[in-house]
Amino acid sequence: MLMLRKILLKLLLVIFVLFAATFTVYFFNLDMKLTALIEPWLLKHYDKIERDTHL
């Protein structure tokens, strides 16, 4: 019974930490800020790709 309680407590702690992390990312819009930071490198990479524009 004590072992089950420890496992359940650890599981709840992990779930709470994951929820807090995802809530922080959502609240401060960190995913879009990271995307805006990476965008110049992505644009440079995709501008170098040769495209076949024939229809």
C-alpha atoms as a PDB file:
ATOM      1  CA  MET A   1       0.000   0.000   0.000  1.00  0.00           C
ATOM      2  CA  LEU A   2       2.839   2.386   0.839  1.00  0.00           C
ATOM      3  CA  MET A   3       4.610   1.591  -2.446  1.00  0.00           C
ATOM      4  CA  LEU A   4       1.437   2.313  -4.416  1.00  0.00           C
ATOM      5  CA  ARG A   5       1.062   5.647  -2.624  1.00  0.00           C
ATOM      6  CA  LYS A   6       4.667   6.613  -3.500  1.00  0.00           C
ATOM      7  CA  ILE A   7       4.166   5.720  -7.157  1.00  0.00           C
ATOM      8  CA  LEU A   8       0.894   7.657  -7.278  1.00  0.00           C
ATOM      9  CA  LEU A   9       2.501  10.680  -5.620  1.00  0.00           C
ATOM     10  CA  LYS A  10       5.390  10.650  -8.115  1.00  0.00           C
ATOM     11  CA  LEU A  11       2.950  10.323 -11.016  1.00  0.00           C
ATOM     12  CA  LEU A  12       0.895  13.270  -9.780  1.00  0.00           C
ATOM     13  CA  LEU A  13       4.061  15.325  -9.342  1.00  0.00           C
ATOM     14  CA  VAL A  14       5.175  14.563 -12.912  1.00  0.00           C
ATOM     15  CA  ILE A  15       1.731  15.460 -14.265  1.00  0.00           C
ATOM     16  CA  PHE A  16       1.732  18.727 -12.318  1.00  0.00           C
ATOM     17  CA  VAL A  17       5.226  19.679 -13.534  1.00  0.00           C
ATOM     18  CA  LEU A  18       4.284  18.940 -17.153  1.00  0.00           C
ATOM     19  CA  PHE A  19       1.085  20.953 -16.790  1.00  0.00           C
ATOM     20  CA  ALA A  20       2.975  23.889 -15.267  1.00  0.00           C
ATOM     21  CA  ALA A  21       5.549  23.798 -18.082  1.00  0.00           C
ATOM     22  CA  THR A  22       2.941  23.705 -20.853  1.00  0.00           C
ATOM     23  CA  PHE A  23       0.866  26.406 -19.158  1.00  0.00           C
ATOM     24  CA  THR A  24       3.939  28.650 -18.926  1.00  0.00           C
ATOM     25  CA  VAL A  25       4.681  28.145 -22.636  1.00  0.00           C
ATOM     26  CA  TYR A  26       1.042  28.934 -23.485  1.00  0.00           C
ATOM     27  CA  PHE A  27       0.722  31.942 -21.168  1.00  0.00           C
ATOM     28  CA  PHE A  28       3.877  33.701 -22.372  1.00  0.00           C
ATOM     29  CA  ASN A  29       3.430  32.598 -26.024  1.00  0.00           C
ATOM     30  CA  LEU A  30       6.931  31.109 -25.979  1.00  0.00           C
ATOM     31  CA  ASP A  31       6.348  28.799 -28.926  1.00  0.00           C
ATOM     32  CA  MET A  32       5.726  31.708 -31.307  1.00  0.00           C
ATOM     33  CA  LYS A  33       8.628  33.681 -29.850  1.00  0.00           C
ATOM     34  CA  LEU A  34      10.924  30.735 -30.557  1.00  0.00           C
ATOM     35  CA  THR A  35       9.500  30.448 -34.069  1.00  0.00           C
ATOM     36  CA  ALA A  36      10.138  34.153 -34.693  1.00  0.00           C
ATOM     37  CA  LEU A  37      13.724  33.695 -33.496  1.00  0.00           C
ATOM     38  CA  ILE A  38      14.345  30.755 -35.851  1.00  0.00           C
ATOM     39  CA  GLU A  39      12.480  32.197 -38.858  1.00  0.00           C
ATOM     40  CA  PRO A  40      15.436  34.063 -40.475  1.00  0.00           C
ATOM     41  CA  TRP A  41      17.520  30.875 -40.578  1.00  0.00           C
ATOM     42  CA  LEU A  42      14.603  28.908 -41.980  1.00  0.00           C
ATOM     43  CA  LEU A  43      13.929  31.512 -44.669  1.00  0.00           C
ATOM     44  CA  LYS A  44      17.591  31.532 -45.656  1.00  0.00           C
ATOM     45  CA  HIS A  45      17.584  27.741 -45.918  1.00  0.00           C
ATOM     46  CA  TYR A  46      14.391  27.512 -47.972  1.00  0.00           C
ATOM     47  CA  ASP A  47      15.405  30.398 -50.262  1.00  0.00           C
ATOM     48  CA  LYS A  48      18.476  28.363 -51.302  1.00  0.00           C
ATOM     49  CA  ILE A  49      16.384  25.400 -52.439  1.00  0.00           C
ATOM     50  CA  GLU A  50      16.073  25.180 -56.208  1.00  0.00           C
ATOM     51  CA  ARG A  51      12.481  24.940 -57.336  1.00  0.00           C
ATOM     52  CA  ASP A  52      10.859  23.605 -60.464  1.00  0.00           C
ATOM     53  CA  THR A  53       8.350  26.307 -61.381  1.00  0.00           C
ATOM     54  CA  HIS A  54       7.031  24.757 -64.613  1.00  0.00           C
ATOM     55  CA  LEU A  55       3.308  24.186 -64.685  1.00  0.00           C
END
